[in-house]
Protein backbone atom coordinates (compact mmCIF):
# COMPACT_ATOMS: atom_id res chain seq x y z
CA MET A 1 119.68 7.05 59.35
CA LYS A 2 116.92 4.77 58.29
CA LYS A 3 113.49 6.41 58.13
CA PHE A 4 110.25 4.63 59.01
CA LYS A 5 106.99 5.42 57.31
CA LEU A 6 103.57 4.60 58.60
CA THR A 7 101.57 2.35 56.32
CA SER A 8 97.96 3.09 55.48
CA SER A 9 96.95 0.30 57.84
CA ALA A 10 98.85 1.93 60.71
CA ASN A 11 97.36 5.31 59.85
CA GLY A 12 93.91 3.77 60.05
CA LYS A 13 94.60 2.30 63.45
CA VAL A 14 95.86 5.64 64.76
CA PHE A 15 92.80 7.39 63.36
CA ARG A 16 90.41 4.85 64.86
CA SER A 17 92.22 5.06 68.19
CA GLY A 18 91.93 8.87 68.15
CA VAL A 19 88.24 8.74 67.31
CA TYR A 20 87.66 6.18 70.04
CA SER A 21 89.51 8.31 72.63
CA THR A 22 87.62 11.42 71.56
CA ALA A 23 84.30 9.58 71.84
CA ILE A 24 85.18 8.28 75.30
CA LEU A 25 86.18 11.79 76.39
CA ALA A 26 82.97 13.30 74.99
CA ALA A 27 80.87 10.62 76.65
CA ALA A 28 82.62 11.25 79.95
CA ILE A 29 81.96 15.00 79.65
CA VAL A 30 78.29 14.41 78.78
CA LEU A 31 77.96 11.95 81.69
CA ALA A 32 79.56 14.44 84.09
CA VAL A 33 77.19 17.20 82.93
CA LEU A 34 74.15 14.93 83.26
CA LEU A 35 75.28 13.74 86.69
CA ASN A 36 75.82 17.35 87.78
CA LEU A 37 72.34 18.32 86.56
CA LEU A 38 70.83 15.31 88.33
CA VAL A 39 72.55 16.13 91.61
CA GLY A 40 71.54 19.80 91.26
CA ALA A 41 67.90 18.75 90.91
CA LEU A 42 67.98 16.78 94.16
CA PRO A 43 66.88 18.50 97.39
CA LYS A 44 69.84 20.17 99.08
CA LYS A 45 69.33 18.11 102.21
CA TYR A 46 70.64 15.11 100.23
CA THR A 47 73.56 16.87 98.56
CA GLU A 48 74.87 19.26 101.22
CA PHE A 49 76.26 18.28 104.59
CA ASP A 50 76.26 20.55 107.61
CA LEU A 51 79.64 20.31 109.36
CA SER A 52 79.14 23.37 111.60
CA GLU A 53 79.19 22.65 115.33
CA ALA A 54 75.82 24.35 115.95
CA LYS A 55 74.22 22.73 112.85
CA MET A 56 73.70 26.20 111.42
CA TYR A 57 72.40 24.91 108.08
CA THR A 58 70.25 22.07 109.45
CA LEU A 59 66.60 22.29 110.41
CA GLY A 60 65.70 21.10 113.88
CA ASP A 61 63.28 18.22 114.37
CA SER A 62 60.51 20.57 115.54
CA SER A 63 60.84 22.71 112.40
CA LYS A 64 60.82 19.66 110.14
CA LYS A 65 57.76 18.25 111.89
CA LEU A 66 55.88 21.52 111.54
CA VAL A 67 56.73 22.11 107.88
CA GLN A 68 56.06 18.50 106.87
CA SER A 69 52.60 18.72 108.43
CA LEU A 70 51.61 21.85 106.49
CA ASP A 71 48.30 21.59 104.66
CA GLN A 72 48.24 25.21 103.49
CA ASP A 73 50.70 27.22 101.45
CA VAL A 74 53.35 29.36 103.14
CA THR A 75 55.48 31.82 101.19
CA VAL A 76 58.48 33.69 102.56
CA TYR A 77 59.65 36.85 100.80
CA TYR A 78 63.28 37.75 101.42
CA LEU A 79 63.78 41.53 101.07
CA CYS A 80 67.39 41.75 99.99
CA GLU A 81 69.44 43.40 97.26
CA THR A 82 70.84 41.03 94.67
CA GLY A 83 74.41 40.10 95.56
CA SER A 84 73.99 40.91 99.27
CA GLU A 85 72.23 37.73 100.34
CA ASP A 86 72.93 36.12 103.71
CA ALA A 87 74.16 32.62 102.81
CA ILE A 88 73.08 31.21 106.18
CA LEU A 89 69.54 32.48 105.65
CA THR A 90 69.16 31.43 102.01
CA LYS A 91 70.42 27.90 102.69
CA LEU A 92 68.04 27.65 105.64
CA LEU A 93 65.11 28.70 103.46
CA ASP A 94 66.15 26.09 100.88
CA HIS A 95 65.98 23.41 103.56
CA TYR A 96 62.49 24.56 104.58
CA ALA A 97 61.39 24.27 100.95
CA ASP A 98 62.91 20.78 100.69
CA GLU A 99 60.65 19.55 103.49
CA SER A 100 57.28 20.46 101.96
CA SER A 101 55.69 21.41 98.67
CA HIS A 102 53.52 23.85 100.64
CA PHE A 103 56.56 26.01 101.44
CA ARG A 104 58.32 28.28 99.00
CA TRP A 105 60.47 31.37 99.23
CA GLU A 106 61.28 34.20 96.87
CA GLN A 107 63.78 37.03 96.95
CA LYS A 108 62.49 40.55 96.38
CA ASP A 109 65.11 43.19 95.68
CA PRO A 110 63.91 46.50 97.22
CA ALA A 111 65.70 48.40 94.45
CA ILE A 112 63.60 46.60 91.85
CA TYR A 113 60.39 46.29 93.89
CA PRO A 114 60.43 49.43 96.08
CA THR A 115 56.72 49.22 97.05
CA PHE A 116 56.45 45.44 97.46
CA ALA A 117 56.78 45.37 101.27
CA ALA A 118 54.20 48.12 101.75
CA GLN A 119 51.32 45.82 100.76
CA TYR A 120 52.15 43.72 103.83
CA GLY A 121 52.48 46.69 106.17
CA ALA A 122 56.27 46.41 106.16
CA SER A 123 57.32 49.59 104.39
CA ASP A 124 59.77 50.57 107.16
CA VAL A 125 61.59 47.26 107.62
CA SER A 126 65.31 47.07 106.95
CA THR A 127 67.00 45.25 104.10
CA GLY A 128 67.43 41.57 104.93
CA SER A 129 64.00 41.24 106.53
CA LEU A 130 61.51 38.45 105.85
CA ILE A 131 57.77 38.50 105.22
CA VAL A 132 56.07 35.19 106.01
CA VAL A 133 52.68 34.91 104.26
CA SER A 134 49.91 32.32 104.51
CA GLY A 135 46.52 33.08 103.05
CA GLU A 136 45.41 36.58 104.04
CA ASN A 137 47.72 36.77 107.05
CA ASN A 138 51.39 37.57 107.33
CA VAL A 139 54.19 38.04 109.89
CA VAL A 140 57.09 40.45 109.33
CA LEU A 141 60.50 39.42 110.68
CA ASP A 142 62.89 42.34 110.82
CA ALA A 143 66.51 41.62 109.92
CA ALA A 144 67.64 42.91 113.33
CA ASP A 145 65.66 40.11 115.03
CA LEU A 146 67.32 37.31 113.09
CA TYR A 147 70.51 37.60 115.17
CA GLU A 148 70.79 37.92 118.94
CA TYR A 149 73.65 39.34 121.00
CA ASP A 150 74.46 37.93 124.43
CA TYR A 151 76.69 40.26 126.49
CA SER A 152 76.83 38.09 129.61
CA ASP A 153 80.52 37.28 129.02
CA TYR A 154 81.49 40.74 127.76
CA TYR A 155 83.31 41.64 130.98
CA THR A 156 85.72 38.72 130.62
CA THR A 157 85.94 38.32 126.83
CA GLY A 158 85.42 41.89 125.59
CA SER A 159 82.96 40.69 122.95
CA ALA A 160 79.36 39.57 122.60
CA ASN A 161 78.24 36.04 121.77
CA VAL A 162 76.32 36.32 118.50
CA THR A 163 73.69 33.69 117.79
CA PHE A 164 71.56 33.10 114.70
CA GLY A 165 67.83 33.14 115.43
CA GLY A 166 66.52 32.75 111.90
CA GLU A 167 65.09 29.26 112.36
CA LYS A 168 63.55 30.27 115.68
CA GLN A 169 61.81 33.27 114.12
CA ILE A 170 60.70 31.58 110.89
CA THR A 171 59.32 28.46 112.58
CA SER A 172 57.48 30.56 115.18
CA ALA A 173 55.95 32.66 112.40
CA ILE A 174 54.82 29.56 110.48
CA TYR A 175 53.33 28.10 113.65
CA LYS A 176 51.48 31.30 114.43
CA LEU A 177 50.03 31.52 110.90
CA THR A 178 49.05 27.87 110.52
CA ALA A 179 48.27 26.58 114.02
CA ALA A 180 44.69 25.39 114.21
CA GLU A 181 43.95 26.51 117.76
CA GLU A 182 44.89 29.61 119.73
CA THR A 183 45.69 29.29 123.43
CA TYR A 184 45.17 31.83 126.20
CA ALA A 185 47.26 32.93 129.16
CA TYR A 186 46.00 35.26 131.87
CA TYR A 187 48.27 37.20 134.21
CA THR A 188 46.92 38.31 137.57
CA THR A 189 46.73 41.92 138.76
CA ASN A 190 45.92 43.83 141.97
CA HIS A 191 48.56 42.12 144.12
CA GLY A 192 51.44 44.41 143.18
CA GLU A 193 52.45 42.11 140.32
CA GLN A 194 54.83 43.26 137.64
CA ALA A 195 53.13 43.67 134.27
CA LEU A 196 54.46 41.38 131.58
CA THR A 197 56.95 43.08 129.27
CA SER A 198 56.08 43.64 125.62
CA SER A 199 58.97 41.31 124.68
CA LEU A 200 57.44 38.45 126.65
CA THR A 201 53.90 39.02 125.36
CA GLU A 202 55.26 39.12 121.79
CA ALA A 203 57.22 35.91 122.43
CA LEU A 204 54.04 34.29 123.69
CA GLU A 205 52.14 35.51 120.63
CA ALA A 206 54.80 33.86 118.48
CA GLN A 207 53.75 30.62 120.19
CA ASN A 208 50.11 31.45 119.43
CA ILE A 209 49.49 32.27 123.11
CA THR A 210 47.42 35.39 123.75
CA ALA A 211 48.17 36.97 127.14
CA GLN A 212 45.52 39.09 128.92
CA PRO A 213 45.26 40.68 132.40
CA LEU A 214 42.98 39.14 135.01
CA ASP A 215 41.69 40.73 138.23
CA LEU A 216 40.48 37.97 140.54
CA LEU A 217 38.80 40.53 142.80
CA THR A 218 36.25 41.31 140.09
CA SER A 219 36.45 38.27 137.81
CA THR A 220 36.85 34.50 137.98
CA ILE A 221 39.41 32.42 136.14
CA PRO A 222 37.97 32.01 132.61
CA ASP A 223 37.17 28.57 131.23
CA ASP A 224 39.56 29.13 128.34
CA CYS A 225 42.52 29.82 130.65
CA ASP A 226 45.29 27.49 129.45
CA LEU A 227 47.91 29.13 131.69
CA LEU A 228 47.70 31.41 134.72
CA ILE A 229 50.74 33.64 135.24
CA ILE A 230 51.42 35.17 138.66
CA ASN A 231 54.39 37.49 138.21
CA ASP A 232 56.04 38.58 141.46
CA PRO A 233 53.11 39.52 143.72
CA THR A 234 53.99 41.83 146.61
CA SER A 235 50.81 41.00 148.53
CA ASP A 236 49.15 37.67 149.16
CA PHE A 237 46.04 36.22 147.51
CA ALA A 238 42.93 36.48 149.68
CA SER A 239 41.63 33.31 151.32
CA ASP A 240 38.60 34.77 153.10
CA GLY A 241 36.34 37.81 152.99
CA LEU A 242 34.14 38.82 150.06
CA VAL A 243 36.39 37.17 147.47
CA ASP A 244 38.25 33.92 148.11
CA GLU A 245 40.99 34.01 145.45
CA ILE A 246 42.78 30.98 146.86
CA SER A 247 39.65 28.84 146.46
CA GLN A 248 39.46 29.92 142.83
CA LEU A 249 43.08 28.96 142.35
CA GLN A 250 42.56 25.60 144.07
CA THR A 251 39.54 24.80 141.90
CA TYR A 252 41.45 25.78 138.77
CA LEU A 253 44.31 23.42 139.66
CA GLU A 254 41.96 20.59 140.66
CA ASN A 255 40.55 20.79 137.13
CA GLY A 256 44.02 20.36 135.64
CA GLY A 257 45.06 24.02 135.48
CA ARG A 258 48.61 25.28 134.99
CA VAL A 259 50.35 28.05 136.90
CA LEU A 260 53.60 29.90 136.20
CA LEU A 261 54.68 31.67 139.40
CA THR A 262 57.57 34.03 140.12
CA THR A 263 58.20 35.38 143.63
CA ASN A 264 60.71 37.51 145.51
CA GLY A 265 62.44 37.06 148.84
CA TYR A 266 61.27 40.35 150.32
CA ASP A 267 57.50 39.76 150.33
CA GLU A 268 55.74 36.88 152.05
CA THR A 269 52.73 35.17 150.46
CA PRO A 270 51.74 32.36 152.87
CA ASN A 271 48.46 31.57 151.12
CA LEU A 272 50.15 31.13 147.75
CA ASP A 273 52.97 29.19 149.39
CA ALA A 274 50.40 26.80 150.88
CA VAL A 275 49.11 26.03 147.38
CA MET A 276 52.65 25.31 146.20
CA ALA A 277 53.23 23.11 149.25
CA GLN A 278 50.62 20.71 147.85
CA PHE A 279 53.12 20.07 145.05
CA GLY A 280 55.95 19.52 147.55
CA LEU A 281 57.49 22.95 146.89
CA ALA A 282 58.59 25.57 149.41
CA ARG A 283 60.85 28.62 149.67
CA GLU A 284 64.39 28.34 150.99
CA ALA A 285 64.85 31.04 153.61
CA GLY A 286 67.15 33.91 152.63
CA LEU A 287 68.64 35.00 149.30
CA VAL A 288 71.02 32.84 147.30
CA VAL A 289 74.65 33.96 147.05
CA GLU A 290 76.78 32.30 144.38
CA GLY A 291 80.23 31.33 145.67
CA ASP A 292 81.52 30.32 142.23
CA SER A 293 82.48 33.42 140.23
CA ASN A 294 81.93 31.50 136.98
CA HIS A 295 78.25 31.26 137.92
CA ALA A 296 77.81 34.96 138.70
CA LEU A 297 77.58 38.07 136.49
CA TYR A 298 80.88 40.00 136.60
CA GLY A 299 81.55 38.54 140.03
CA TYR A 300 78.36 39.98 141.62
CA PRO A 301 77.30 37.04 143.83
CA TYR A 302 73.58 37.96 143.89
CA SER A 303 73.39 37.90 140.06
CA LEU A 304 73.31 34.19 139.34
CA PHE A 305 74.12 32.20 136.22
CA PRO A 306 72.47 28.87 137.06
CA ASP A 307 72.95 25.55 135.30
CA TYR A 308 70.06 23.95 133.43
CA GLY A 309 68.54 20.91 135.09
CA THR A 310 68.22 17.42 133.65
CA THR A 311 64.55 16.75 132.89
CA ASP A 312 62.75 13.54 131.98
CA GLU A 313 59.10 14.51 132.44
CA SER A 314 58.97 18.27 131.90
CA THR A 315 59.25 19.67 128.38
CA ALA A 316 60.00 23.21 129.56
CA LEU A 317 63.62 22.98 128.38
CA ASP A 318 62.91 21.23 125.07
CA GLY A 319 64.28 23.36 122.25
CA VAL A 320 66.18 25.66 124.64
CA ASN A 321 69.84 26.19 123.78
CA ARG A 322 71.39 25.17 127.07
CA SER A 323 74.72 26.77 126.22
CA THR A 324 73.14 30.23 126.59
CA HIS A 325 72.96 31.98 129.95
CA VAL A 326 69.91 32.87 131.96
CA MET A 327 70.37 35.27 134.87
CA LEU A 328 68.46 35.42 138.16
CA SER A 329 69.09 38.37 140.50
CA VAL A 330 68.23 38.40 144.22
CA ALA A 331 66.83 34.89 143.91
CA GLN A 332 65.50 32.43 146.46
CA GLY A 333 66.03 28.70 146.42
CA ILE A 334 63.02 26.40 145.96
CA THR A 335 63.09 23.20 148.00
CA VAL A 336 61.48 20.02 146.67
CA THR A 337 60.01 17.48 149.08
CA GLU A 338 59.08 14.07 147.71
CA THR A 339 55.27 13.97 147.73
CA ASP A 340 52.92 11.09 146.89
CA GLY A 341 51.23 11.57 143.54
CA VAL A 342 53.50 14.42 142.50
CA THR A 343 56.31 14.42 139.93
CA ALA A 344 58.80 17.27 140.26
CA GLU A 345 62.01 18.26 138.47
CA SER A 346 64.45 21.12 138.83
CA LEU A 347 64.85 23.40 135.81
CA LEU A 348 67.62 25.73 137.05
CA ASN A 349 70.29 24.97 139.67
CA THR A 350 73.09 26.85 141.41
CA SER A 351 76.61 25.51 141.77
CA GLU A 352 77.62 23.54 144.85
CA ASP A 353 79.46 26.64 146.15
CA ALA A 354 76.24 28.62 146.54
CA TYR A 355 74.74 29.41 149.92
CA SER A 356 71.62 31.16 151.15
CA LYS A 357 72.20 34.27 153.24
CA LEU A 358 69.57 34.50 155.94
CA ASN A 359 70.22 38.07 157.13
CA PHE A 360 70.54 39.54 153.65
CA ASP A 361 68.69 42.72 154.59
CA THR A 362 70.96 43.59 157.53
CA SER A 363 74.29 41.97 156.67
CA SER A 364 77.05 44.24 155.36
CA THR A 365 78.89 41.45 153.54
CA THR A 366 78.12 38.83 150.92
CA ALA A 367 80.63 36.44 152.49
CA LYS A 368 79.26 33.32 154.11
CA GLU A 369 78.38 33.75 157.79
CA ASP A 370 77.26 31.49 160.62
CA GLY A 371 73.71 30.32 160.03
CA ASP A 372 73.80 30.66 156.23
CA THR A 373 72.53 27.54 154.46
CA ASP A 374 74.78 25.52 152.19
CA GLY A 375 73.76 24.85 148.58
CA PRO A 376 73.28 23.79 145.91
CA PHE A 377 69.75 25.12 145.36
CA SER A 378 67.01 24.79 142.79
CA LEU A 379 66.00 28.22 141.50
CA ALA A 380 63.19 27.10 139.17
CA VAL A 381 61.15 23.93 139.64
CA TRP A 382 58.43 22.17 137.64
CA ALA A 383 55.87 19.92 139.36
CA ARG A 384 52.80 17.98 138.24
CA LYS A 385 50.01 16.22 140.11
CA ASP A 386 49.62 12.81 138.56
CA ASP A 387 45.87 12.44 139.25
CA THR A 388 44.64 15.80 137.91
CA GLY A 389 47.47 16.70 135.50
CA ALA A 390 47.79 20.11 137.16
CA GLU A 391 51.22 21.68 136.61
CA VAL A 392 53.14 24.50 138.25
CA ILE A 393 56.47 26.12 137.54
CA TRP A 394 57.85 28.18 140.42
CA ILE A 395 60.76 30.54 139.76
CA GLY A 396 62.26 32.11 142.88
CA CYS A 397 63.24 35.34 141.15
CA PRO A 398 61.22 38.56 140.74
CA ASN A 399 62.91 40.06 137.69
CA MET A 400 63.52 37.41 135.04
CA ASP A 401 61.04 39.22 132.77
CA ASN A 402 62.95 42.46 132.22
CA GLU A 403 63.29 44.47 129.01
CA GLN A 404 66.77 45.81 129.78
CA LEU A 405 67.99 42.36 130.74
CA TYR A 406 66.79 40.91 127.44
CA GLN A 407 69.07 43.33 125.57
CA SER A 408 72.16 41.68 127.06
CA ILE A 409 70.94 38.22 128.09
CA PRO A 410 68.23 37.00 125.67
CA GLY A 411 68.30 33.53 127.24
CA ASN A 412 65.89 34.72 129.93
CA LEU A 413 63.19 35.38 127.36
CA THR A 414 63.65 32.01 125.68
CA PHE A 415 63.49 30.23 129.02
CA LEU A 416 60.19 31.90 129.97
CA GLN A 417 58.83 31.29 126.49
CA GLY A 418 59.74 27.61 126.78
CA CYS A 419 58.06 27.34 130.19
CA ALA A 420 54.84 28.85 128.89
CA ALA A 421 54.82 26.83 125.66
CA SER A 422 55.33 23.54 127.49
CA MET A 423 52.54 24.23 129.96
CA VAL A 424 49.95 24.85 127.23
CA GLY A 425 50.99 21.63 125.52
CA GLN A 426 53.10 23.00 122.69
CA ASP A 427 56.25 21.24 121.52
CA ILE A 428 57.37 23.83 118.96
CA LEU A 429 60.21 25.91 120.37
CA ILE A 430 63.37 26.71 118.44
CA ASP A 431 66.27 28.49 120.08
CA THR A 432 69.15 30.41 118.51
CA LYS A 433 72.34 28.79 117.18
CA ALA A 434 75.87 29.95 117.92
CA LEU A 435 77.74 31.43 114.97
CA GLU A 436 81.15 30.46 116.34
CA ALA A 437 82.30 27.08 117.50
CA SER A 438 83.52 26.73 121.04
CA PRO A 439 87.33 26.74 121.19
CA ILE A 440 89.06 23.44 121.86
CA THR A 441 91.26 23.58 124.92
CA ILE A 442 94.32 21.30 124.82
CA PRO A 443 96.43 20.67 127.94
CA ALA A 444 100.04 21.88 127.75
CA SER A 445 101.45 18.33 127.99
CA THR A 446 99.25 17.18 125.11
CA ALA A 447 100.20 20.23 123.03
CA THR A 448 103.93 19.48 123.58
CA THR A 449 103.47 15.85 122.54
CA LEU A 450 101.53 16.81 119.41
CA GLY A 451 104.20 19.38 118.53
CA LEU A 452 106.98 16.78 118.72
CA VAL A 453 104.96 14.35 116.61
CA PHE A 454 104.19 16.83 113.81
CA VAL A 455 107.54 18.66 113.81
CA PHE A 456 109.97 15.74 114.22
CA VAL A 457 108.42 12.27 114.19
CA LEU A 458 106.22 12.53 111.08
CA PRO A 459 108.85 14.29 108.88
CA ALA A 460 111.48 11.71 109.96
CA ALA A 461 109.10 8.86 109.13
CA VAL A 462 108.44 10.33 105.67
CA LEU A 463 112.20 10.70 104.98
CA ILE A 464 112.90 7.13 106.07
CA ALA A 465 110.07 5.77 103.94
CA GLY A 466 111.36 7.74 100.93
CA ALA A 467 114.91 6.42 101.41
CA VAL A 468 113.66 2.83 101.57
CA VAL A 469 111.70 3.25 98.34
CA VAL A 470 114.74 4.71 96.53
CA LEU A 471 117.01 1.85 97.65
CA LEU A 472 114.51 -0.80 96.58
CA ARG A 473 114.18 0.77 93.12
CA ARG A 474 117.98 0.92 92.64
CA ARG A 475 118.36 -2.78 93.45
CA LYS A 476 115.91 -3.63 90.71
């Protein structure tokens, strides 16, 4: 066999080709490293894409607007052991930092810094908590408050709906620490009203709204009253005698005041109702019974799961997660009559199967009877007088503000918080985000068709295409 030897010229070409290939490979590696470093230096909002249904890793517009407008430094300390970080929370904090140079966050491992939290009055908080600091002030967000559990569907599903409230809590804390002006809400007393729960007052404080009691028998409505709350009075407001409370209320509204009112179907308040009538609002006689079991808690027809209304003028529902339930028990419908100079919108509505039971106190059945009024009904209504700017929200339910209810249905608290925030002119309200995507329901006929396509049609098409390719190659 004849042997071939490479000449020196050929050896040189091989060597140069090898050097050239090595140089190209090295340049490609260096370019890839530099590109990776460049991409890593970019804000994560430009390099990471949120594909989750609830946009778990994306800041809402309200949060972005607030952080971008910061003119003072805000620092968040994340109290968490190294290696046990919550990826949802850390990515969220990164996105806050991307929006403003005035925001930064830092992890503090309690094992390494055991006394760090104590300087902010947070020595007893659990691991995973946050401390939001701005200047000399701070807000502590316990880890347990960053997630909420909704048990409204527990009876049918056997599990709770878990939602992530980190953005809601962080943005509220930033707003409270950096907002330029504090607003004031007063809640009336001496008419059998329910006192506001600590959960609601804390939620209002998170919106920079300070709530204080007000006795109209001994005091007048203060000049700094941004919102007057009347929470389920069992007796009416006086319109004559030594103190004319209704006149005070009328004057307050004529000067552009705002009232959040909740009432019950057992106690009549004709003087208050007359004030609401000026906005075209009135009670529907009886108590609402929900005929659609999907709109009632565990099938109890007096415990209503209403639908959210469609609003154009009111901002009460802005930022509210409308996929979460609110529950109204023993509620009355609120009728809306078109009134000149008044704009009104429904915030919560029953289903079309609802009806109002007139003889609820004597009837032995929840079934519809002769004389009961057909629905649907509005259960919460917003109205505004166009000339004065006065606003009212009337909720026909006495027990929306309830500590025990918040433990299972946190949507009630967010709804009330949104109502109050909108009425004092705030547009910062962030609700929770669902951790799990809603399941996709496919009709049986569609499922059968898709099964045939993926099991038979597509494999057959691939086999036929392969056979054609093989035959064409053999002919060549």
